[in-house]
C-alpha atoms as a PDB file:
ATOM      1  CA  MET A   1      11.734 -10.246   9.165  1.00  0.00           C
ATOM      2  CA  GLY A   2       9.100 -12.955  10.128  1.00  0.00           C
ATOM      3  CA  MET A   3       8.175 -17.336  12.609  1.00  0.00           C
ATOM      4  CA  VAL A   4       5.290 -15.909  14.584  1.00  0.00           C
ATOM      5  CA  VAL A   5       2.122 -16.988  16.105  1.00  0.00           C
ATOM      6  CA  PRO A   6      -0.704 -14.429  14.978  1.00  0.00           C
ATOM      7  CA  THR A   7       0.024 -11.697  17.425  1.00  0.00           C
ATOM      8  CA  ASN A   8      -0.802  -8.575  15.489  1.00  0.00           C
ATOM      9  CA  ARG A   9      -4.788  -7.764  15.759  1.00  0.00           C
ATOM     10  CA  ALA A  10      -4.717  -6.867  12.184  1.00  0.00           C
ATOM     11  CA  SER A  11      -3.464 -10.252  10.776  1.00  0.00           C
ATOM     12  CA  PRO A  12      -5.386 -13.301   9.287  1.00  0.00           C
ATOM     13  CA  GLY A  13      -6.718 -15.633  12.023  1.00  0.00           C
ATOM     14  CA  TRP A  14      -6.403 -13.314  14.839  1.00  0.00           C
ATOM     15  CA  ALA A  15      -9.907 -13.147  16.067  1.00  0.00           C
ATOM     16  CA  ALA A  16     -10.327 -16.926  15.967  1.00  0.00           C
ATOM     17  CA  VAL A  17      -7.008 -17.411  17.817  1.00  0.00           C
ATOM     18  CA  THR A  18      -7.776 -14.869  20.497  1.00  0.00           C
ATOM     19  CA  ARG A  19     -11.286 -16.496  21.016  1.00  0.00           C
ATOM     20  CA  HIS A  20      -9.330 -19.997  21.591  1.00  0.00           C
ATOM     21  CA  GLN A  21      -6.791 -18.174  23.855  1.00  0.00           C
ATOM     22  CA  ARG A  22      -9.564 -16.462  26.058  1.00  0.00           C
ATOM     23  CA  ARG A  23     -10.689 -19.929  27.202  1.00  0.00           C
ATOM     24  CA  ARG A  24      -7.144 -20.706  28.657  1.00  0.00           C
ATOM     25  CA  ARG A  25      -5.487 -19.347  31.767  1.00  0.00           C
ATOM     26  CA  PHE A  26      -2.250 -17.731  31.823  1.00  0.00           C
ATOM     27  CA  THR A  27       0.145 -17.666  35.030  1.00  0.00           C
ATOM     28  CA  PRO A  28       1.525 -14.016  35.916  1.00  0.00           C
ATOM     29  CA  ARG A  29       4.933 -15.388  34.980  1.00  0.00           C
ATOM     30  CA  TRP A  30       4.044 -15.900  31.362  1.00  0.00           C
ATOM     31  CA  ALA A  31       1.523 -12.847  31.147  1.00  0.00           C
ATOM     32  CA  GLY A  32       4.258 -10.544  30.074  1.00  0.00           C
ATOM     33  CA  PHE A  33       5.778 -12.955  27.675  1.00  0.00           C
ATOM     34  CA  ARG A  34       2.339 -13.285  25.904  1.00  0.00           C
ATOM     35  CA  LYS A  35       1.774  -9.496  26.033  1.00  0.00           C
ATOM     36  CA  ALA A  36       5.372  -8.789  24.696  1.00  0.00           C
ATOM     37  CA  CYS A  37       5.124 -11.159  21.664  1.00  0.00           C
ATOM     38  CA  ARG A  38       1.534  -9.839  20.910  1.00  0.00           C
ATOM     39  CA  ALA A  39       2.531  -6.303  20.814  1.00  0.00           C
ATOM     40  CA  LYS A  40       5.547  -6.656  18.819  1.00  0.00           C
ATOM     41  CA  SER A  41       4.871  -8.900  15.866  1.00  0.00           C
ATOM     42  CA  PRO A  42       4.708  -6.883  12.708  1.00  0.00           C
ATOM     43  CA  PHE A  43       2.720  -9.327  10.601  1.00  0.00           C
ATOM     44  CA  GLY A  44       1.152 -11.572  13.210  1.00  0.00           C
ATOM     45  CA  ARG A  45       2.483 -14.837  11.997  1.00  0.00           C
ATOM     46  CA  SER A  46       5.789 -14.896  11.639  1.00  0.00           C
ATOM     47  CA  LYS A  47       5.152 -16.184  12.504  1.00  0.00           C
ATOM     48  CA  GLY A  48       7.553 -13.512  12.769  1.00  0.00           C
ATOM     49  CA  ILE A  49       9.174 -10.518  14.056  1.00  0.00           C
ATOM     50  CA  SER A  50       9.421 -11.672  12.740  1.00  0.00           C
ATOM     51  CA  SER A  51      10.103 -11.182  11.097  1.00  0.00           C
ATOM     52  CA  ALA A  52      10.540  -9.152  11.375  1.00  0.00           C
ATOM     53  CA  ALA A  53       9.144 -10.328   9.648  1.00  0.00           C
ATOM     54  CA  ALA A  54       9.771 -11.894   9.936  1.00  0.00           C
ATOM     55  CA  LEU A  55      11.569 -10.678  10.303  1.00  0.00           C
ATOM     56  CA  ILE A  56      10.163 -10.829  13.365  1.00  0.00           C
ATOM     57  CA  LEU A  57       9.960 -14.650  14.375  1.00  0.00           C
ATOM     58  CA  CYS A  58       8.920 -13.444  17.596  1.00  0.00           C
ATOM     59  CA  ILE A  59       6.651 -16.261  18.915  1.00  0.00           C
ATOM     60  CA  GLY A  60       5.585 -19.313  17.165  1.00  0.00           C
ATOM     61  CA  ALA A  61       5.845 -20.633  13.611  1.00  0.00           C
ATOM     62  CA  ILE A  62       5.527 -19.052  10.399  1.00  0.00           C
ATOM     63  CA  SER A  63       5.697 -21.193   7.308  1.00  0.00           C
ATOM     64  CA  PRO A  64       6.794 -20.367   3.950  1.00  0.00           C
ATOM     65  CA  ALA A  65       4.658 -21.374   0.864  1.00  0.00           C
ATOM     66  CA  PRO A  66       6.064 -24.274  -1.200  1.00  0.00           C
ATOM     67  CA  CYS A  67       7.926 -23.202  -4.397  1.00  0.00           C
ATOM     68  CA  ALA A  68       8.636 -24.935  -7.681  1.00  0.00           C
ATOM     69  CA  SER A  69      12.170 -26.198  -7.806  1.00  0.00           C
ATOM     70  CA  SER A  70      14.476 -24.926 -10.422  1.00  0.00           C
ATOM     71  CA  PRO A  71      16.434 -26.953 -12.902  1.00  0.00           C
ATOM     72  CA  GLU A  72      19.798 -25.131 -12.152  1.00  0.00           C
ATOM     73  CA  ALA A  73      19.070 -25.515  -8.376  1.00  0.00           C
ATOM     74  CA  ALA A  74      22.229 -24.820  -6.140  1.00  0.00           C
ATOM     75  CA  PRO A  75      22.879 -26.668  -2.946  1.00  0.00           C
ATOM     76  CA  VAL A  76      20.224 -26.094  -0.264  1.00  0.00           C
ATOM     77  CA  PHE A  77      21.307 -23.642   2.385  1.00  0.00           C
ATOM     78  CA  ALA A  78      19.861 -24.155   5.935  1.00  0.00           C
ATOM     79  CA  ALA A  79      19.721 -22.052   9.262  1.00  0.00           C
ATOM     80  CA  HIS A  80      18.348 -23.317  12.370  1.00  0.00           C
ATOM     81  CA  TYR A  81      17.103 -20.665  14.856  1.00  0.00           C
ATOM     82  CA  ALA A  82      16.453 -20.614  18.565  1.00  0.00           C
ATOM     83  CA  MET A  83      13.786 -18.264  20.003  1.00  0.00           C
ATOM     84  CA  SER A  84      14.133 -16.894  23.454  1.00  0.00           C
ATOM     85  CA  PHE A  85      12.285 -14.285  25.701  1.00  0.00           C
ATOM     86  CA  LEU A  86      13.904 -12.953  28.996  1.00  0.00           C
ATOM     87  CA  SER A  87      16.735 -15.402  27.961  1.00  0.00           C
ATOM     88  CA  LEU A  88      14.306 -18.488  28.462  1.00  0.00           C
ATOM     89  CA  PRO A  89      13.944 -20.737  25.421  1.00  0.00           C
ATOM     90  CA  VAL A  90      10.500 -20.692  23.947  1.00  0.00           C
ATOM     91  CA  GLY A  91      10.933 -22.056  20.429  1.00  0.00           C
ATOM     92  CA  GLN A  92      12.984 -23.268  17.336  1.00  0.00           C
ATOM     93  CA  ALA A  93      12.597 -22.760  13.519  1.00  0.00           C
ATOM     94  CA  GLU A  94      14.525 -24.098  10.522  1.00  0.00           C
ATOM     95  CA  LEU A  95      14.915 -22.039   7.300  1.00  0.00           C
ATOM     96  CA  THR A  96      15.906 -23.606   4.094  1.00  0.00           C
ATOM     97  CA  ALA A  97      16.701 -21.879   0.909  1.00  0.00           C
ATOM     98  CA  ASN A  98      17.194 -22.770  -2.658  1.00  0.00           C
ATOM     99  CA  LEU A  99      18.969 -19.995  -4.577  1.00  0.00           C
ATOM    100  CA  THR A 100      20.291 -19.558  -8.064  1.00  0.00           C
ATOM    101  CA  ALA A 101      21.414 -16.411  -9.640  1.00  0.00           C
ATOM    102  CA  GLU A 102      17.813 -15.435 -10.481  1.00  0.00           C
ATOM    103  CA  ARG A 103      15.362 -17.332  -8.321  1.00  0.00           C
ATOM    104  CA  TYR A 104      14.701 -18.310  -4.841  1.00  0.00           C
ATOM    105  CA  ALA A 105      12.739 -20.823  -2.981  1.00  0.00           C
ATOM    106  CA  LEU A 106      12.444 -20.413   0.881  1.00  0.00           C
ATOM    107  CA  LYS A 107      10.568 -22.780   3.566  1.00  0.00           C
ATOM    108  CA  LEU A 108      10.380 -21.918   7.128  1.00  0.00           C
ATOM    109  CA  GLU A 109       9.057 -24.612   9.674  1.00  0.00           C
ATOM    110  CA  GLY A 110       8.927 -24.007  13.482  1.00  0.00           C
ATOM    111  CA  GLY A 111       7.213 -24.301  16.646  1.00  0.00           C
ATOM    112  CA  LEU A 112       7.124 -23.291  20.548  1.00  0.00           C
ATOM    113  CA  THR A 113       8.791 -25.329  22.857  1.00  0.00           C
ATOM    114  CA  GLY A 114       9.102 -25.608  26.675  1.00  0.00           C
ATOM    115  CA  LEU A 115       6.591 -23.856  28.767  1.00  0.00           C
ATOM    116  CA  ALA A 116       5.830 -21.497  26.013  1.00  0.00           C
ATOM    117  CA  GLY A 117       4.679 -24.436  23.925  1.00  0.00           C
ATOM    118  CA  TRP A 118       2.554 -25.564  26.676  1.00  0.00           C
ATOM    119  CA  PHE A 119       0.727 -22.294  26.859  1.00  0.00           C
ATOM    120  CA  PHE A 120       0.507 -21.437  23.242  1.00  0.00           C
ATOM    121  CA  GLN A 121       0.893 -24.674  21.232  1.00  0.00           C
ATOM    122  CA  GLY A 122       1.895 -22.919  18.096  1.00  0.00           C
ATOM    123  CA  SER A 123       3.461 -24.672  15.111  1.00  0.00           C
ATOM    124  CA  GLY A 124       3.541 -24.574  11.388  1.00  0.00           C
ATOM    125  CA  SER A 125       5.277 -23.979   7.977  1.00  0.00           C
ATOM    126  CA  ALA A 126       5.492 -21.229   5.355  1.00  0.00           C
ATOM    127  CA  GLY A 127       7.167 -20.705   2.079  1.00  0.00           C
ATOM    128  CA  SER A 128       7.961 -18.229  -0.514  1.00  0.00           C
ATOM    129  CA  GLN A 129       9.072 -18.867  -4.064  1.00  0.00           C
ATOM    130  CA  GLY A 130       9.988 -16.109  -6.969  1.00  0.00           C
ATOM    131  CA  ARG A 131      12.547 -13.996  -8.696  1.00  0.00           C
ATOM    132  CA  LEU A 132      15.584 -12.066  -7.068  1.00  0.00           C
ATOM    133  CA  SER A 133      15.972  -8.652  -8.278  1.00  0.00           C
ATOM    134  CA  ALA A 134      18.761  -6.302  -7.374  1.00  0.00           C
ATOM    135  CA  ALA A 135      16.847  -4.730  -4.550  1.00  0.00           C
ATOM    136  CA  ARG A 136      14.612  -7.391  -3.193  1.00  0.00           C
ATOM    137  CA  THR A 137      12.654 -10.508  -3.946  1.00  0.00           C
ATOM    138  CA  VAL A 138       9.662 -10.575  -6.473  1.00  0.00           C
ATOM    139  CA  PRO A 139       7.494 -13.415  -5.193  1.00  0.00           C
ATOM    140  CA  ASP A 140       5.138 -15.643  -7.229  1.00  0.00           C
ATOM    141  CA  VAL A 141       3.434 -17.458  -4.468  1.00  0.00           C
ATOM    142  CA  PHE A 142       3.374 -17.229  -0.540  1.00  0.00           C
ATOM    143  CA  ARG A 143       1.726 -19.631   1.636  1.00  0.00           C
ATOM    144  CA  ILE A 144       1.115 -20.294   5.403  1.00  0.00           C
ATOM    145  CA  ASP A 145      -0.239 -23.500   6.929  1.00  0.00           C
ATOM    146  CA  SER A 146      -0.080 -23.319  10.712  1.00  0.00           C
ATOM    147  CA  ARG A 147      -1.987 -24.316  13.853  1.00  0.00           C
ATOM    148  CA  TYR A 148      -2.398 -22.637  16.907  1.00  0.00           C
ATOM    149  CA  GLY A 149      -3.950 -24.835  19.396  1.00  0.00           C
ATOM    150  CA  THR A 150      -6.800 -26.537  17.835  1.00  0.00           C
ATOM    151  CA  MET A 151      -7.274 -23.442  15.393  1.00  0.00           C
ATOM    152  CA  PRO A 152      -5.678 -23.822  11.898  1.00  0.00           C
ATOM    153  CA  VAL A 153      -4.547 -20.491   9.947  1.00  0.00           C
ATOM    154  CA  LEU A 154      -4.334 -20.927   6.156  1.00  0.00           C
ATOM    155  CA  VAL A 155      -2.987 -18.150   3.821  1.00  0.00           C
ATOM    156  CA  ARG A 156      -2.128 -18.433   0.167  1.00  0.00           C
ATOM    157  CA  VAL A 157      -1.161 -15.201  -1.949  1.00  0.00           C
ATOM    158  CA  THR A 158      -0.312 -15.190  -5.685  1.00  0.00           C
ATOM    159  CA  PHE A 159       1.699 -12.386  -7.400  1.00  0.00           C
ATOM    160  CA  GLU A 160       2.689 -11.495 -10.752  1.00  0.00           C
ATOM    161  CA  SER A 161       5.516  -8.936 -11.182  1.00  0.00           C
ATOM    162  CA  GLY A 162       5.263  -8.027  -7.584  1.00  0.00           C
ATOM    163  CA  THR A 163       1.449  -7.208  -7.810  1.00  0.00           C
ATOM    164  CA  VAL A 164      -0.935  -9.280  -5.828  1.00  0.00           C
ATOM    165  CA  ARG A 165      -3.324 -11.310  -7.980  1.00  0.00           C
ATOM    166  CA  LYS A 166      -5.102 -13.337  -5.484  1.00  0.00           C
ATOM    167  CA  ALA A 167      -5.158 -13.533  -1.708  1.00  0.00           C
ATOM    168  CA  GLU A 168      -6.925 -16.130   0.439  1.00  0.00           C
ATOM    169  CA  VAL A 169      -6.977 -16.219   4.150  1.00  0.00           C
ATOM    170  CA  GLU A 170      -8.679 -18.683   6.415  1.00  0.00           C
ATOM    171  CA  PRO A 171     -10.160 -17.636   8.837  1.00  0.00           C
ATOM    172  CA  GLU A 172     -10.717 -14.123   7.582  1.00  0.00           C
ATOM    173  CA  PRO A 173      -9.692 -10.973   9.902  1.00  0.00           C
ATOM    174  CA  ALA A 174     -13.032 -10.083  11.901  1.00  0.00           C
ATOM    175  CA  PRO A 175     -14.599  -6.694  10.409  1.00  0.00           C
ATOM    176  CA  LYS A 176     -13.742  -3.853  12.509  1.00  0.00           C
ATOM    177  CA  PRO A 177     -14.811  -0.007  12.022  1.00  0.00           C
ATOM    178  CA  ASP A 178     -11.212   1.210  12.414  1.00  0.00           C
ATOM    179  CA  ARG A 179      -9.639  -1.402  10.198  1.00  0.00           C
ATOM    180  CA  VAL A 180      -7.765   0.571   7.353  1.00  0.00           C
ATOM    181  CA  PRO A 181      -8.889  -0.691   3.999  1.00  0.00           C
ATOM    182  CA  VAL A 182      -6.414  -2.265   1.724  1.00  0.00           C
ATOM    183  CA  THR A 183      -6.652  -0.650  -1.738  1.00  0.00           C
ATOM    184  CA  ALA A 184      -5.396  -1.867  -5.169  1.00  0.00           C
ATOM    185  CA  ALA A 185      -2.494   0.487  -4.847  1.00  0.00           C
ATOM    186  CA  ASP A 186      -1.388  -1.249  -1.655  1.00  0.00           C
ATOM    187  CA  ARG A 187      -1.014  -4.522  -3.578  1.00  0.00           C
ATOM    188  CA  VAL A 188       1.471  -3.226  -6.036  1.00  0.00           C
ATOM    189  CA  GLY A 189       5.421  -3.590  -5.965  1.00  0.00           C
ATOM    190  CA  VAL A 190       5.307  -5.672  -2.767  1.00  0.00           C
ATOM    191  CA  THR A 191       6.911  -8.998  -1.289  1.00  0.00           C
ATOM    192  CA  ASP A 192       5.613 -11.275   1.333  1.00  0.00           C
ATOM    193  CA  PRO A 193       6.901 -11.873   4.951  1.00  0.00           C
ATOM    194  CA  ILE A 194       9.098 -14.925   4.245  1.00  0.00           C
ATOM    195  CA  GLY A 195      10.642 -13.487   0.785  1.00  0.00           C
ATOM    196  CA  MET A 196      11.528 -10.192   2.664  1.00  0.00           C
ATOM    197  CA  LEU A 197      14.113 -12.122   4.711  1.00  0.00           C
ATOM    198  CA  ILE A 198      16.408 -12.290   1.790  1.00  0.00           C
ATOM    199  CA  ILE A 199      18.447  -9.027   1.028  1.00  0.00           C
ATOM    200  CA  PRO A 200      20.160  -9.004  -2.266  1.00  0.00           C
ATOM    201  CA  ILE A 201      23.861  -7.572  -2.052  1.00  0.00           C
ATOM    202  CA  GLY A 202      25.544  -8.459  -5.273  1.00  0.00           C
ATOM    203  CA  PRO A 203      29.401  -9.259  -5.342  1.00  0.00           C
ATOM    204  CA  ALA A 204      30.463  -6.209  -3.653  1.00  0.00           C
ATOM    205  CA  PRO A 205      31.784  -6.006   0.115  1.00  0.00           C
ATOM    206  CA  LEU A 206      29.259  -5.197   2.926  1.00  0.00           C
ATOM    207  CA  THR A 207      28.739  -1.435   3.390  1.00  0.00           C
ATOM    208  CA  PRO A 208      26.587   0.418   6.098  1.00  0.00           C
ATOM    209  CA  SER A 209      24.510   1.896   3.298  1.00  0.00           C
ATOM    210  CA  LEU A 210      23.090  -1.646   2.435  1.00  0.00           C
ATOM    211  CA  CYS A 211      20.914  -1.278   5.432  1.00  0.00           C
ATOM    212  CA  ASP A 212      19.230   1.852   3.896  1.00  0.00           C
ATOM    213  CA  ARG A 213      16.127   0.452   2.236  1.00  0.00           C
ATOM    214  CA  ARG A 214      12.446   0.230   2.615  1.00  0.00           C
ATOM    215  CA  ILE A 215      10.806  -3.297   2.009  1.00  0.00           C
ATOM    216  CA  PRO A 216       6.897  -3.123   1.147  1.00  0.00           C
ATOM    217  CA  VAL A 217       5.271  -6.315   2.590  1.00  0.00           C
ATOM    218  CA  PHE A 218       1.876  -7.802   1.988  1.00  0.00           C
ATOM    219  CA  ASP A 219       0.807 -10.891   4.179  1.00  0.00           C
ATOM    220  CA  GLY A 220      -2.522 -11.783   2.888  1.00  0.00           C
ATOM    221  CA  ALA A 221      -4.458  -9.381   4.933  1.00  0.00           C
ATOM    222  CA  THR A 222      -2.131  -6.424   5.919  1.00  0.00           C
ATOM    223  CA  ARG A 223       0.123  -4.202   4.138  1.00  0.00           C
ATOM    224  CA  ALA A 224       3.092  -2.540   6.000  1.00  0.00           C
ATOM    225  CA  ASP A 225       6.647  -1.159   5.365  1.00  0.00           C
ATOM    226  CA  LEU A 226       9.943  -2.537   6.851  1.00  0.00           C
ATOM    227  CA  VAL A 227      12.130   0.431   7.118  1.00  0.00           C
ATOM    228  CA  LEU A 228      16.045  -0.696   7.590  1.00  0.00           C
ATOM    229  CA  SER A 229      18.650   2.058   8.461  1.00  0.00           C
ATOM    230  CA  ARG A 230      21.525   2.845  10.872  1.00  0.00           C
ATOM    231  CA  GLY A 231      23.868   0.341   9.318  1.00  0.00           C
ATOM    232  CA  ALA A 232      27.057  -0.877  10.726  1.00  0.00           C
ATOM    233  CA  VAL A 233      29.578  -3.648   9.619  1.00  0.00           C
ATOM    234  CA  VAL A 234      30.533  -5.906  12.336  1.00  0.00           C
ATOM    235  CA  ALA A 235      32.934  -8.849  12.735  1.00  0.00           C
ATOM    236  CA  VAL A 236      31.063 -12.081  14.051  1.00  0.00           C
ATOM    237  CA  ALA A 237      33.919 -14.194  15.846  1.00  0.00           C
ATOM    238  CA  THR A 238      31.529 -16.774  17.848  1.00  0.00           C
ATOM    239  CA  GLY A 239      28.606 -18.802  16.801  1.00  0.00           C
ATOM    240  CA  PRO A 240      27.806 -20.874  13.649  1.00  0.00           C
ATOM    241  CA  TYR A 241      28.843 -18.158  11.348  1.00  0.00           C
ATOM    242  CA  ARG A 242      32.152 -16.160  11.384  1.00  0.00           C
ATOM    243  CA  GLY A 243      32.949 -13.190   9.358  1.00  0.00           C
ATOM    244  CA  PRO A 244      31.550  -9.709   8.449  1.00  0.00           C
ATOM    245  CA  ALA A 245      27.854  -9.157   9.012  1.00  0.00           C
ATOM    246  CA  LEU A 246      25.369  -6.047   8.836  1.00  0.00           C
ATOM    247  CA  ASP A 247      23.488  -4.725  11.827  1.00  0.00           C
ATOM    248  CA  CYS A 248      20.550  -2.669  10.859  1.00  0.00           C
ATOM    249  CA  ARG A 249      17.796  -1.049  12.679  1.00  0.00           C
ATOM    250  CA  ILE A 250      14.150  -1.836  11.766  1.00  0.00           C
ATOM    251  CA  ARG A 251      11.151   0.117  11.955  1.00  0.00           C
ATOM    252  CA  TRP A 252       7.730  -1.152  11.145  1.00  0.00           C
ATOM    253  CA  VAL A 253       5.486   1.302   9.296  1.00  0.00           C
ATOM    254  CA  PRO A 254       1.653   0.009   9.045  1.00  0.00           C
ATOM    255  CA  VAL A 255       0.000   0.943   5.676  1.00  0.00           C
ATOM    256  CA  ALA A 256      -3.300  -0.920   5.376  1.00  0.00           C
ATOM    257  CA  GLY A 257      -5.370  -3.676   6.664  1.00  0.00           C
ATOM    258  CA  HIS A 258      -4.442  -2.975  10.348  1.00  0.00           C
ATOM    259  CA  ARG A 259      -6.773  -1.455  13.039  1.00  0.00           C
ATOM    260  CA  ALA A 260      -5.977   2.215  13.168  1.00  0.00           C
ATOM    261  CA  LYS A 261      -6.912   2.454  17.072  1.00  0.00           C
ATOM    262  CA  GLY A 262      -5.312  -0.826  17.921  1.00  0.00           C
ATOM    263  CA  SER A 263      -2.890  -0.704  20.833  1.00  0.00           C
ATOM    264  CA  SER A 264      -0.572  -3.350  19.730  1.00  0.00           C
ATOM    265  CA  VAL A 265      -0.299  -1.596  16.342  1.00  0.00           C
ATOM    266  CA  ARG A 266       0.498   1.785  17.842  1.00  0.00           C
ATOM    267  CA  ARG A 267       3.385   0.077  20.027  1.00  0.00           C
ATOM    268  CA  MET A 268       4.773  -1.847  17.295  1.00  0.00           C
ATOM    269  CA  ALA A 269       5.043   1.321  15.177  1.00  0.00           C
ATOM    270  CA  GLU A 270       6.621   3.434  18.013  1.00  0.00           C
ATOM    271  CA  ASN A 271       8.983   0.591  18.800  1.00  0.00           C
ATOM    272  CA  ASP A 272      12.674   1.945  18.019  1.00  0.00           C
ATOM    273  CA  ASP A 273      14.182  -1.126  19.601  1.00  0.00           C
ATOM    274  CA  LEU A 274      14.008  -3.675  16.776  1.00  0.00           C
ATOM    275  CA  HIS A 275      17.282  -4.683  15.111  1.00  0.00           C
ATOM    276  CA  VAL A 276      18.507  -7.539  12.833  1.00  0.00           C
ATOM    277  CA  ARG A 277      21.864  -8.802  12.022  1.00  0.00           C
ATOM    278  CA  LEU A 278      22.342 -10.011   8.595  1.00  0.00           C
ATOM    279  CA  ALA A 279      24.900 -12.354   7.004  1.00  0.00           C
ATOM    280  CA  PRO A 280      25.927 -13.349   3.613  1.00  0.00           C
ATOM    281  CA  VAL A 281      24.817 -16.993   2.570  1.00  0.00           C
ATOM    282  CA  PRO A 282      27.809 -19.088   1.486  1.00  0.00           C
ATOM    283  CA  GLY A 283      28.420 -18.973  -2.270  1.00  0.00           C
ATOM    284  CA  GLY A 284      25.462 -16.368  -2.771  1.00  0.00           C
ATOM    285  CA  ARG A 285      25.053 -12.936  -3.383  1.00  0.00           C
ATOM    286  CA  VAL A 286      22.248 -12.408  -0.671  1.00  0.00           C
ATOM    287  CA  MET A 287      21.978 -11.989   2.966  1.00  0.00           C
ATOM    288  CA  LEU A 288      19.698 -13.755   5.455  1.00  0.00           C
ATOM    289  CA  PRO A 289      18.916 -12.963   9.156  1.00  0.00           C
ATOM    290  CA  LEU A 290      21.652 -14.231  11.539  1.00  0.00           C
ATOM    291  CA  SER A 291      19.874 -12.816  14.694  1.00  0.00           C
ATOM    292  CA  ILE A 292      16.787 -10.540  15.420  1.00  0.00           C
ATOM    293  CA  THR A 293      16.142  -8.757  18.717  1.00  0.00           C
ATOM    294  CA  VAL A 294      12.930  -7.217  19.757  1.00  0.00           C
ATOM    295  CA  GLY A 295      12.939  -4.926  22.774  1.00  0.00           C
ATOM    296  CA  THR A 296       9.618  -4.832  24.491  1.00  0.00           C
ATOM    297  CA  GLY A 297       8.235  -3.298  27.799  1.00  0.00           C
ATOM    298  CA  TRP A 298       8.308  -6.877  29.343  1.00  0.00           C
ATOM    299  CA  GLY A 299      11.897  -7.991  28.095  1.00  0.00           C
ATOM    300  CA  THR A 300      13.690  -8.807  25.117  1.00  0.00           C
ATOM    301  CA  ALA A 301      12.771 -11.367  22.409  1.00  0.00           C
ATOM    302  CA  ARG A 302      15.704 -12.873  20.520  1.00  0.00           C
ATOM    303  CA  ILE A 303      16.030 -15.083  17.552  1.00  0.00           C
ATOM    304  CA  ASP A 304      19.567 -16.515  17.098  1.00  0.00           C
ATOM    305  CA  ALA A 305      20.902 -18.942  14.413  1.00  0.00           C
ATOM    306  CA  THR A 306      22.442 -22.039  15.921  1.00  0.00           C
ATOM    307  CA  ARG A 307      23.184 -23.568  12.622  1.00  0.00           C
ATOM    308  CA  TRP A 308      24.359 -21.906   9.524  1.00  0.00           C
ATOM    309  CA  GLY A 309      25.476 -23.747   6.406  1.00  0.00           C
ATOM    310  CA  PRO A 310      24.748 -26.394   3.581  1.00  0.00           C
ATOM    311  CA  ALA A 311      21.725 -28.470   4.261  1.00  0.00           C
ATOM    312  CA  PRO A 312      21.081 -32.296   3.354  1.00  0.00           C
ATOM    313  CA  ALA A 313      19.849 -32.698  -0.038  1.00  0.00           C
ATOM    314  CA  ALA A 314      16.334 -31.878   0.164  1.00  0.00           C
ATOM    315  CA  ASP A 315      13.830 -29.844  -2.076  1.00  0.00           C
ATOM    316  CA  PRO A 316      12.449 -26.780  -0.333  1.00  0.00           C
ATOM    317  CA  SER A 317      10.207 -26.010  -3.142  1.00  0.00           C
ATOM    318  CA  ILE A 318       6.716 -24.994  -2.465  1.00  0.00           C
ATOM    319  CA  SER A 319       4.012 -26.878  -3.824  1.00  0.00           C
ATOM    320  CA  GLY A 320       1.238 -24.590  -5.201  1.00  0.00           C
ATOM    321  CA  ASP A 321      -2.422 -25.865  -5.698  1.00  0.00           C
END
């Protein structure tokens, strides 16, 4: 469900970022790391699987757009994540959430560390703000402000009742003959790569059926569905969170904006080894990712929460311009 350097060839800024990366040299040790993340990022940001997107926070930093604070703002929740590939640390991210009964504001900041940071130099922030429905988030605004090496990637999307009203991406995706056009219908009834991290559950206990959902996501340039299934309730006994959690399998289904013949798109769509563990937020009726695992042909990428609980007083709201 999303903290990702632009790794999907259909994502905003991909062409500009790859031009920058082609001028750099990668050792064989890290070649698989680069290919794995590139192949497995659903939205090419986050920055994740990000991810999943987000979920699929697979390599870099995704940042949520700023959100307006609510007059009845609840205590801010914060989760700190460590990212690894082949059990080697490659990055960190911080997610803050301001949740009320009807509204949400998320902010995600992160970057690559260690040798991965030396090779990729990815960092940034993203945010989403909007309304909570019974099934998913209904965003008002989504924003990314990230930098990969010397290349900035900026995204701003505004919504109205789940319909995209305006999308701005800098730099724009390079025109390609096999890129699937995004139609007006593809922009209706969608959430964004940061808002998709929230799974509303209500006051009832966790059940496996809560995994059974299809989340339509628009990231400013591409439209895809995240399909959650194969739910299992597990008891978490170690780590920053202790208690019941929900394990779900994830499938990424490209809809529009992607390259139909892209090898990374094909591998991601065929990947059956993508999982998320969701845990309830204290005092709330929603779940957020506790961990994300992405199996690849080169190894396993992981995102694991290392801190989970109340944050110091801070406003995670996203400033819109």
